[in-house]
C-alpha atoms as a PDB file:
ATOM      1  CA  MET A   1       0.000   0.000   0.000  1.00  0.00           C
ATOM      2  CA  ARG A   2       1.165   3.542  -0.753  1.00  0.00           C
ATOM      3  CA  ARG A   3      -0.460   6.795   0.294  1.00  0.00           C
ATOM      4  CA  ALA A   4      -1.203   9.419  -2.361  1.00  0.00           C
ATOM      5  CA  ILE A   5      -3.396  12.435  -3.061  1.00  0.00           C
ATOM      6  CA  ARG A   6      -5.924  11.850  -5.840  1.00  0.00           C
ATOM      7  CA  ILE A   7      -7.124  14.819  -7.881  1.00  0.00           C
ATOM      8  CA  ARG A   8     -10.032  14.664 -10.304  1.00  0.00           C
ATOM      9  CA  ALA A   9     -10.232  17.839 -12.352  1.00  0.00           C
ATOM     10  CA  TYR A  10     -11.556  19.398 -15.542  1.00  0.00           C
ATOM     11  CA  GLN A  11     -10.363  21.987 -18.067  1.00  0.00           C
ATOM     12  CA  ASN A  12     -12.417  23.493 -20.884  1.00  0.00           C
ATOM     13  CA  LEU A  13      -9.814  24.359 -23.583  1.00  0.00           C
ATOM     14  CA  PRO A  14      -6.235  23.934 -22.300  1.00  0.00           C
ATOM     15  CA  ASN A  15      -2.961  23.923 -24.215  1.00  0.00           C
ATOM     16  CA  PHE A  16       0.241  22.239 -23.024  1.00  0.00           C
ATOM     17  CA  ARG A  17       2.687  23.636 -25.530  1.00  0.00           C
ATOM     18  CA  LYS A  18       5.466  21.438 -26.850  1.00  0.00           C
ATOM     19  CA  PRO A  19       8.845  23.220 -26.441  1.00  0.00           C
ATOM     20  CA  ALA A  20       9.645  23.006 -30.173  1.00  0.00           C
ATOM     21  CA  ALA A  21       6.249  24.400 -31.248  1.00  0.00           C
ATOM     22  CA  ILE A  22       6.669  27.962 -32.549  1.00  0.00           C
ATOM     23  CA  ALA A  23       4.426  29.057 -35.438  1.00  0.00           C
ATOM     24  CA  ILE A  24       1.697  26.623 -34.380  1.00  0.00           C
ATOM     25  CA  GLN A  25       1.547  25.888 -30.658  1.00  0.00           C
ATOM     26  CA  ASP A  26       0.995  22.140 -30.740  1.00  0.00           C
ATOM     27  CA  SER A  27      -0.134  20.652 -27.451  1.00  0.00           C
ATOM     28  CA  TYR A  28       0.855  17.556 -25.539  1.00  0.00           C
ATOM     29  CA  LYS A  29      -2.210  15.349 -25.057  1.00  0.00           C
ATOM     30  CA  LEU A  30      -1.633  15.382 -21.299  1.00  0.00           C
ATOM     31  CA  PRO A  31       0.103  17.932 -19.053  1.00  0.00           C
ATOM     32  CA  PRO A  32       3.840  17.232 -18.564  1.00  0.00           C
ATOM     33  CA  TYR A  33       5.179  16.335 -15.123  1.00  0.00           C
ATOM     34  CA  SER A  34       6.721  19.765 -14.519  1.00  0.00           C
ATOM     35  CA  THR A  35       3.390  21.452 -15.307  1.00  0.00           C
ATOM     36  CA  VAL A  36       1.497  19.406 -12.712  1.00  0.00           C
ATOM     37  CA  ILE A  37       4.258  19.807 -10.124  1.00  0.00           C
ATOM     38  CA  GLY A  38       4.280  23.565 -10.744  1.00  0.00           C
ATOM     39  CA  MET A  39       0.516  23.723 -10.194  1.00  0.00           C
ATOM     40  CA  VAL A  40       0.897  21.917  -6.861  1.00  0.00           C
ATOM     41  CA  HIS A  41       3.680  24.279  -5.758  1.00  0.00           C
ATOM     42  CA  THR A  42       1.590  27.324  -6.670  1.00  0.00           C
ATOM     43  CA  ALA A  43      -1.465  25.968  -4.834  1.00  0.00           C
ATOM     44  CA  CYS A  44       0.634  25.401  -1.702  1.00  0.00           C
ATOM     45  CA  GLY A  45       2.437  28.735  -1.938  1.00  0.00           C
ATOM     46  CA  TYR A  46       5.842  27.055  -2.258  1.00  0.00           C
ATOM     47  CA  THR A  47       8.670  29.265  -3.509  1.00  0.00           C
ATOM     48  CA  LYS A  48      11.316  26.501  -3.444  1.00  0.00           C
ATOM     49  CA  TYR A  49      11.156  23.033  -4.947  1.00  0.00           C
ATOM     50  CA  HIS A  50       9.634  20.269  -2.813  1.00  0.00           C
ATOM     51  CA  SER A  51      10.348  16.776  -4.086  1.00  0.00           C
ATOM     52  CA  MET A  52       7.324  14.778  -5.238  1.00  0.00           C
ATOM     53  CA  ASP A  53       6.247  12.164  -7.764  1.00  0.00           C
ATOM     54  CA  VAL A  54       3.102  12.383  -9.870  1.00  0.00           C
ATOM     55  CA  SER A  55       0.980  10.067 -12.002  1.00  0.00           C
ATOM     56  CA  ILE A  56      -0.891  11.666 -14.905  1.00  0.00           C
ATOM     57  CA  ALA A  57      -3.924  10.411 -16.838  1.00  0.00           C
ATOM     58  CA  GLY A  58      -6.748  12.116 -18.707  1.00  0.00           C
ATOM     59  CA  ARG A  59      -9.172  12.048 -21.596  1.00  0.00           C
ATOM     60  CA  TYR A  60     -10.607  14.671 -23.925  1.00  0.00           C
ATOM     61  CA  HIS A  61     -13.242  14.728 -26.676  1.00  0.00           C
ATOM     62  CA  THR A  62     -11.293  16.304 -29.546  1.00  0.00           C
ATOM     63  CA  SER A  63      -8.815  19.080 -30.309  1.00  0.00           C
ATOM     64  CA  ILE A  64      -9.378  22.313 -32.209  1.00  0.00           C
ATOM     65  CA  SER A  65      -7.203  25.102 -33.604  1.00  0.00           C
ATOM     66  CA  ASP A  66      -7.651  28.709 -32.529  1.00  0.00           C
ATOM     67  CA  MET A  67      -5.981  32.012 -33.422  1.00  0.00           C
ATOM     68  CA  TYR A  68      -4.257  34.370 -31.006  1.00  0.00           C
ATOM     69  CA  THR A  69      -2.313  37.628 -31.190  1.00  0.00           C
ATOM     70  CA  ARG A  70       1.425  36.971 -31.255  1.00  0.00           C
ATOM     71  CA  TYR A  71       4.214  39.469 -30.571  1.00  0.00           C
ATOM     72  CA  TYR A  72       7.771  39.062 -31.902  1.00  0.00           C
ATOM     73  CA  PHE A  73      10.653  40.729 -30.013  1.00  0.00           C
ATOM     74  CA  GLY A  74      14.401  41.050 -30.197  1.00  0.00           C
ATOM     75  CA  ILE A  75      15.201  42.920 -33.428  1.00  0.00           C
ATOM     76  CA  SER A  76      16.281  46.566 -33.640  1.00  0.00           C
ATOM     77  CA  PHE A  77      13.377  48.881 -34.421  1.00  0.00           C
ATOM     78  CA  ASP A  78      12.621  49.424 -38.104  1.00  0.00           C
ATOM     79  CA  ALA A  79       9.482  51.400 -38.979  1.00  0.00           C
ATOM     80  CA  THR A  80       9.047  49.439 -42.223  1.00  0.00           C
ATOM     81  CA  ARG A  81       8.548  46.161 -40.359  1.00  0.00           C
ATOM     82  CA  HIS A  82       7.587  46.935 -36.739  1.00  0.00           C
ATOM     83  CA  GLN A  83       4.315  48.263 -35.357  1.00  0.00           C
ATOM     84  CA  TYR A  84       5.658  48.925 -31.848  1.00  0.00           C
ATOM     85  CA  PHE A  85       8.918  49.581 -30.007  1.00  0.00           C
ATOM     86  CA  THR A  86      10.333  49.323 -26.507  1.00  0.00           C
ATOM     87  CA  ALA A  87      13.354  51.059 -24.976  1.00  0.00           C
ATOM     88  CA  ARG A  88      14.819  52.406 -21.747  1.00  0.00           C
ATOM     89  CA  LYS A  89      15.258  56.099 -20.994  1.00  0.00           C
ATOM     90  CA  GLU A  90      18.905  57.077 -20.821  1.00  0.00           C
ATOM     91  CA  ASN A  91      18.572  59.234 -17.706  1.00  0.00           C
ATOM     92  CA  ASP A  92      16.672  56.928 -15.296  1.00  0.00           C
ATOM     93  CA  ASN A  93      16.584  53.581 -17.166  1.00  0.00           C
ATOM     94  CA  GLU A  94      12.756  53.634 -17.126  1.00  0.00           C
ATOM     95  CA  LEU A  95      11.170  51.267 -19.643  1.00  0.00           C
ATOM     96  CA  ILE A  96       9.088  53.028 -22.296  1.00  0.00           C
ATOM     97  CA  GLY A  97       7.307  51.872 -25.417  1.00  0.00           C
ATOM     98  CA  GLY A  98       4.586  52.628 -27.880  1.00  0.00           C
ATOM     99  CA  SER A  99       3.573  52.554 -31.512  1.00  0.00           C
ATOM    100  CA  ALA A 100       5.758  53.418 -34.496  1.00  0.00           C
ATOM    101  CA  ASP A 101       4.044  56.816 -34.620  1.00  0.00           C
ATOM    102  CA  ASP A 102       4.985  57.411 -30.977  1.00  0.00           C
ATOM    103  CA  PHE A 103       8.607  56.619 -31.836  1.00  0.00           C
ATOM    104  CA  TYR A 104       8.872  59.525 -34.270  1.00  0.00           C
ATOM    105  CA  ARG A 105       6.685  61.829 -32.180  1.00  0.00           C
ATOM    106  CA  LEU A 106       9.115  61.432 -29.281  1.00  0.00           C
ATOM    107  CA  GLY A 107      12.071  62.139 -31.574  1.00  0.00           C
ATOM    108  CA  LEU A 108      13.903  58.906 -30.664  1.00  0.00           C
ATOM    109  CA  THR A 109      16.837  57.367 -32.509  1.00  0.00           C
ATOM    110  CA  LYS A 110      17.003  53.698 -33.472  1.00  0.00           C
ATOM    111  CA  GLU A 111      20.033  52.855 -31.323  1.00  0.00           C
ATOM    112  CA  GLY A 112      19.092  50.609 -28.409  1.00  0.00           C
ATOM    113  CA  LYS A 113      15.436  50.433 -29.387  1.00  0.00           C
ATOM    114  CA  ASP A 114      13.818  47.017 -29.861  1.00  0.00           C
ATOM    115  CA  GLY A 115      11.099  46.567 -32.450  1.00  0.00           C
ATOM    116  CA  ILE A 116       7.923  44.580 -31.834  1.00  0.00           C
ATOM    117  CA  THR A 117       5.948  42.932 -34.618  1.00  0.00           C
ATOM    118  CA  ARG A 118       2.335  41.946 -34.063  1.00  0.00           C
ATOM    119  CA  GLY A 119       0.884  39.041 -35.989  1.00  0.00           C
ATOM    120  CA  LEU A 120      -1.357  35.989 -35.810  1.00  0.00           C
ATOM    121  CA  GLY A 121      -0.454  32.650 -34.292  1.00  0.00           C
ATOM    122  CA  TYR A 122      -2.300  29.356 -34.042  1.00  0.00           C
ATOM    123  CA  VAL A 123      -2.764  27.231 -30.936  1.00  0.00           C
ATOM    124  CA  GLU A 124      -4.059  23.677 -30.500  1.00  0.00           C
ATOM    125  CA  LEU A 125      -6.668  23.360 -27.747  1.00  0.00           C
ATOM    126  CA  LEU A 126      -7.924  20.181 -26.077  1.00  0.00           C
ATOM    127  CA  VAL A 127     -11.721  20.147 -25.683  1.00  0.00           C
ATOM    128  CA  ASP A 128     -13.263  19.124 -22.335  1.00  0.00           C
ATOM    129  CA  LEU A 129     -10.197  17.561 -20.734  1.00  0.00           C
ATOM    130  CA  GLU A 130     -10.860  15.346 -17.701  1.00  0.00           C
ATOM    131  CA  LEU A 131      -7.801  14.711 -15.553  1.00  0.00           C
ATOM    132  CA  LEU A 132      -6.986  12.008 -13.030  1.00  0.00           C
ATOM    133  CA  LEU A 133      -3.815  12.960 -11.144  1.00  0.00           C
ATOM    134  CA  TYR A 134      -2.015  11.291  -8.249  1.00  0.00           C
ATOM    135  CA  ILE A 135       0.427  13.323  -6.166  1.00  0.00           C
ATOM    136  CA  PHE A 136       3.086  11.603  -4.046  1.00  0.00           C
ATOM    137  CA  PRO A 137       4.700  14.242  -1.783  1.00  0.00           C
ATOM    138  CA  GLU A 138       7.453  13.508   0.706  1.00  0.00           C
ATOM    139  CA  GLU A 139       5.963  12.242   3.971  1.00  0.00           C
ATOM    140  CA  GLU A 140       6.773  15.447   5.856  1.00  0.00           C
ATOM    141  CA  ASP A 141       4.960  17.503   3.181  1.00  0.00           C
ATOM    142  CA  PHE A 142       1.912  15.274   2.741  1.00  0.00           C
ATOM    143  CA  GLU A 143      -0.591  17.063   4.995  1.00  0.00           C
ATOM    144  CA  GLU A 144       0.554  20.500   3.807  1.00  0.00           C
ATOM    145  CA  VAL A 145       0.142  19.542   0.139  1.00  0.00           C
ATOM    146  CA  LEU A 146      -3.255  17.956   0.836  1.00  0.00           C
ATOM    147  CA  GLU A 147      -4.455  21.138   2.556  1.00  0.00           C
ATOM    148  CA  GLY A 148      -2.946  23.325  -0.162  1.00  0.00           C
ATOM    149  CA  LEU A 149      -4.846  21.470  -2.887  1.00  0.00           C
ATOM    150  CA  LYS A 150      -8.103  21.607  -0.929  1.00  0.00           C
ATOM    151  CA  ASN A 151      -7.677  25.323  -0.218  1.00  0.00           C
ATOM    152  CA  PRO A 152      -5.227  26.707  -2.825  1.00  0.00           C
ATOM    153  CA  LYS A 153      -3.497  30.042  -2.245  1.00  0.00           C
ATOM    154  CA  ILE A 154      -4.698  31.265  -5.650  1.00  0.00           C
ATOM    155  CA  PHE A 155      -7.188  29.805  -8.117  1.00  0.00           C
ATOM    156  CA  PRO A 156      -5.255  26.981  -9.841  1.00  0.00           C
ATOM    157  CA  SER A 157      -4.414  26.866 -13.531  1.00  0.00           C
ATOM    158  CA  LEU A 158      -2.637  24.174 -15.520  1.00  0.00           C
ATOM    159  CA  GLY A 159      -0.719  24.944 -18.702  1.00  0.00           C
ATOM    160  CA  ARG A 160      -1.160  28.577 -19.690  1.00  0.00           C
ATOM    161  CA  HIS A 161      -2.043  31.098 -17.004  1.00  0.00           C
ATOM    162  CA  GLU A 162      -5.547  31.438 -18.447  1.00  0.00           C
ATOM    163  CA  ASP A 163      -6.173  27.663 -18.471  1.00  0.00           C
ATOM    164  CA  LEU A 164      -8.073  27.506 -15.184  1.00  0.00           C
ATOM    165  CA  LEU A 165      -8.331  24.143 -13.464  1.00  0.00           C
ATOM    166  CA  ARG A 166     -11.684  23.123 -11.985  1.00  0.00           C
ATOM    167  CA  ILE A 167     -10.847  20.706  -9.184  1.00  0.00           C
ATOM    168  CA  ASP A 168     -13.746  18.314  -8.569  1.00  0.00           C
ATOM    169  CA  GLU A 169     -12.066  16.083  -5.982  1.00  0.00           C
ATOM    170  CA  VAL A 170      -9.021  16.117  -3.722  1.00  0.00           C
ATOM    171  CA  LYS A 171      -8.793  12.958  -1.664  1.00  0.00           C
ATOM    172  CA  GLU A 172      -6.202  11.017   0.294  1.00  0.00           C
ATOM    173  CA  VAL A 173      -6.120   7.428  -0.980  1.00  0.00           C
ATOM    174  CA  GLU A 174      -4.272   4.206  -0.231  1.00  0.00           C
ATOM    175  CA  LEU A 175      -3.104   2.542  -3.435  1.00  0.00           C
ATOM    176  CA  SER A 176      -2.813  -1.213  -3.732  1.00  0.00           C
ATOM    177  CA  SER A 177       0.223  -2.960  -5.142  1.00  0.00           C
ATOM    178  CA  GLU A 178       0.066  -5.518  -7.934  1.00  0.00           C
ATOM    179  CA  GLU A 179       0.277  -8.431  -5.494  1.00  0.00           C
ATOM    180  CA  ASP A 180      -2.952  -7.333  -3.758  1.00  0.00           C
ATOM    181  CA  ILE A 181      -5.167  -7.528  -6.883  1.00  0.00           C
ATOM    182  CA  GLU A 182      -5.353 -10.420  -9.322  1.00  0.00           C
ATOM    183  CA  THR A 183      -7.397  -8.684 -12.072  1.00  0.00           C
ATOM    184  CA  ASN A 184      -5.509  -6.822 -14.787  1.00  0.00           C
ATOM    185  CA  PRO A 185      -6.432  -3.137 -14.891  1.00  0.00           C
ATOM    186  CA  ILE A 186      -7.790  -1.529 -18.056  1.00  0.00           C
ATOM    187  CA  LEU A 187      -6.844   2.055 -18.804  1.00  0.00           C
ATOM    188  CA  CYS A 188      -9.971   4.208 -18.586  1.00  0.00           C
ATOM    189  CA  TYR A 189      -7.885   7.280 -19.440  1.00  0.00           C
ATOM    190  CA  ASP A 190      -4.931   8.030 -21.682  1.00  0.00           C
ATOM    191  CA  THR A 191      -2.007   7.558 -19.295  1.00  0.00           C
ATOM    192  CA  LEU A 192       1.621   8.625 -19.083  1.00  0.00           C
ATOM    193  CA  ILE A 193       3.669   5.512 -18.303  1.00  0.00           C
ATOM    194  CA  PRO A 194       7.395   5.950 -17.548  1.00  0.00           C
ATOM    195  CA  GLN A 195       9.623   3.921 -19.835  1.00  0.00           C
ATOM    196  CA  ASP A 196      10.777   1.498 -17.119  1.00  0.00           C
ATOM    197  CA  TYR A 197       7.178   0.532 -16.354  1.00  0.00           C
ATOM    198  CA  TYR A 198       6.243   0.464 -20.040  1.00  0.00           C
ATOM    199  CA  GLU A 199       8.968  -2.084 -20.797  1.00  0.00           C
ATOM    200  CA  ALA A 200       7.420  -4.395 -18.184  1.00  0.00           C
ATOM    201  CA  LEU A 201       4.118  -4.476 -20.072  1.00  0.00           C
ATOM    202  CA  GLU A 202       3.478  -7.579 -22.137  1.00  0.00           C
ATOM    203  CA  GLY A 203       3.232  -6.730 -25.808  1.00  0.00           C
ATOM    204  CA  ASN A 204       4.251  -3.069 -25.341  1.00  0.00           C
ATOM    205  CA  SER A 205       0.953  -1.504 -26.408  1.00  0.00           C
ATOM    206  CA  SER A 206       0.991   1.152 -29.135  1.00  0.00           C
ATOM    207  CA  SER A 207       1.873   4.540 -27.693  1.00  0.00           C
ATOM    208  CA  THR A 208       3.593   7.872 -28.258  1.00  0.00           C
ATOM    209  CA  GLU A 209       7.022   8.358 -26.675  1.00  0.00           C
ATOM    210  CA  TYR A 210       7.956  11.650 -25.019  1.00  0.00           C
ATOM    211  CA  VAL A 211      10.860  13.044 -23.047  1.00  0.00           C
ATOM    212  CA  LEU A 212       9.108  15.325 -20.569  1.00  0.00           C
ATOM    213  CA  ASN A 213      10.485  17.928 -18.188  1.00  0.00           C
ATOM    214  CA  LYS A 214       9.958  17.184 -14.504  1.00  0.00           C
ATOM    215  CA  VAL A 215      12.168  19.423 -12.342  1.00  0.00           C
ATOM    216  CA  PHE A 216      13.489  22.936 -12.959  1.00  0.00           C
ATOM    217  CA  GLU A 217      15.996  24.825 -10.869  1.00  0.00           C
ATOM    218  CA  VAL A 218      17.026  28.473 -11.030  1.00  0.00           C
ATOM    219  CA  LYS A 219      20.758  29.247 -11.242  1.00  0.00           C
ATOM    220  CA  ASP A 220      22.201  32.698 -11.856  1.00  0.00           C
ATOM    221  CA  GLY A 221      18.752  33.998 -12.734  1.00  0.00           C
ATOM    222  CA  TYR A 222      18.158  31.321 -15.401  1.00  0.00           C
ATOM    223  CA  ARG A 223      15.746  28.413 -15.226  1.00  0.00           C
ATOM    224  CA  ARG A 224      17.454  25.113 -16.012  1.00  0.00           C
ATOM    225  CA  ILE A 225      16.042  21.625 -16.437  1.00  0.00           C
ATOM    226  CA  SER A 226      17.536  19.292 -13.835  1.00  0.00           C
ATOM    227  CA  GLU A 227      15.364  16.192 -14.362  1.00  0.00           C
ATOM    228  CA  ARG A 228      13.450  14.723 -17.312  1.00  0.00           C
ATOM    229  CA  VAL A 229      11.286  11.619 -17.638  1.00  0.00           C
ATOM    230  CA  ARG A 230      11.114   9.370 -20.682  1.00  0.00           C
ATOM    231  CA  ALA A 231       7.501   8.231 -20.819  1.00  0.00           C
ATOM    232  CA  ARG A 232       4.886   6.760 -23.134  1.00  0.00           C
ATOM    233  CA  CYS A 233       1.372   8.101 -23.582  1.00  0.00           C
ATOM    234  CA  VAL A 234      -0.725   4.930 -23.749  1.00  0.00           C
ATOM    235  CA  LYS A 235      -4.275   5.140 -25.061  1.00  0.00           C
ATOM    236  CA  SER A 236      -7.348   4.345 -22.994  1.00  0.00           C
ATOM    237  CA  ASP A 237      -9.055   0.923 -23.220  1.00  0.00           C
ATOM    238  CA  THR A 238      -5.647  -0.778 -23.124  1.00  0.00           C
ATOM    239  CA  GLU A 239      -5.570  -3.833 -20.852  1.00  0.00           C
ATOM    240  CA  LEU A 240      -2.421  -3.833 -18.777  1.00  0.00           C
ATOM    241  CA  SER A 241      -0.384  -6.849 -17.789  1.00  0.00           C
ATOM    242  CA  TYR A 242       1.339  -4.806 -15.079  1.00  0.00           C
ATOM    243  CA  ALA A 243       0.886  -1.695 -12.975  1.00  0.00           C
ATOM    244  CA  PRO A 244       3.031  -0.787  -9.944  1.00  0.00           C
ATOM    245  CA  LEU A 245       0.045   0.689  -8.077  1.00  0.00           C
ATOM    246  CA  MET A 246      -3.712   0.457  -8.498  1.00  0.00           C
ATOM    247  CA  ASP A 247      -6.783   2.365  -7.409  1.00  0.00           C
ATOM    248  CA  ILE A 248     -10.537   1.926  -7.826  1.00  0.00           C
ATOM    249  CA  VAL A 249     -12.385   4.927  -9.286  1.00  0.00           C
ATOM    250  CA  ASP A 250     -16.123   4.737 -10.025  1.00  0.00           C
ATOM    251  CA  GLY A 251     -15.895   0.946  -9.811  1.00  0.00           C
ATOM    252  CA  GLU A 252     -13.048   0.762 -12.360  1.00  0.00           C
ATOM    253  CA  LEU A 253      -9.578  -0.570 -11.580  1.00  0.00           C
ATOM    254  CA  ILE A 254      -7.062   2.166 -12.430  1.00  0.00           C
ATOM    255  CA  GLY A 255      -3.337   1.630 -13.026  1.00  0.00           C
ATOM    256  CA  VAL A 256      -1.162   4.315 -11.378  1.00  0.00           C
ATOM    257  CA  PHE A 257       2.377   5.040 -12.647  1.00  0.00           C
ATOM    258  CA  PRO A 258       4.309   7.531 -10.488  1.00  0.00           C
ATOM    259  CA  ALA A 259       7.361   9.316 -11.868  1.00  0.00           C
END
């Protein structure tokens, strides 16, 4: 038996952007480990990393594409290509900005002025995402994390800041090990299964392989990835020959795969 915190939640139209997605913000089909861990830290008001494992599963109806306003930075201002600019005043280093018309009205020179281009971008959104998450904090943090998820410091979001998370259940559960249950579980949700567990499955069900961020740390003002997880996203309705932990949700046997 292993103690965990079970979260059942819902999101209307979230996006979990893949790092390489630029022109079109493609989405992972489930939130990455670092995204879920970040949500937990925010809910608890943590400002430093607290070690924890998570298990991630979910299901959605379809995905759609939507447009959004995109801003491009980092090139010296040129009125023939930029609609806006940003700069710092020489006397007090105050940040200023405005439209291209404002640039000439203020009599500024191009040196040290960054141009901003406004355009359209496209984002993939998951429709009606239901999430089943298991959080495994360190024992000394368990009660604090449980309370933080029941009464979050700020309204939780998952993915983008605007992707609010409706939490329908936060519950302490005791998960059974494989030896305690003879029946093979069937995935009721798409599930992230770490590679080590996936290799133990008979037949290695069809899946999508990802290398997902889990832990970030800040050094010298920069955020750096300190831990990644190689995992497979296995589709729902897959019968499993193995699961390290199991739970019963709405009468269904659920395989749980912490990472």
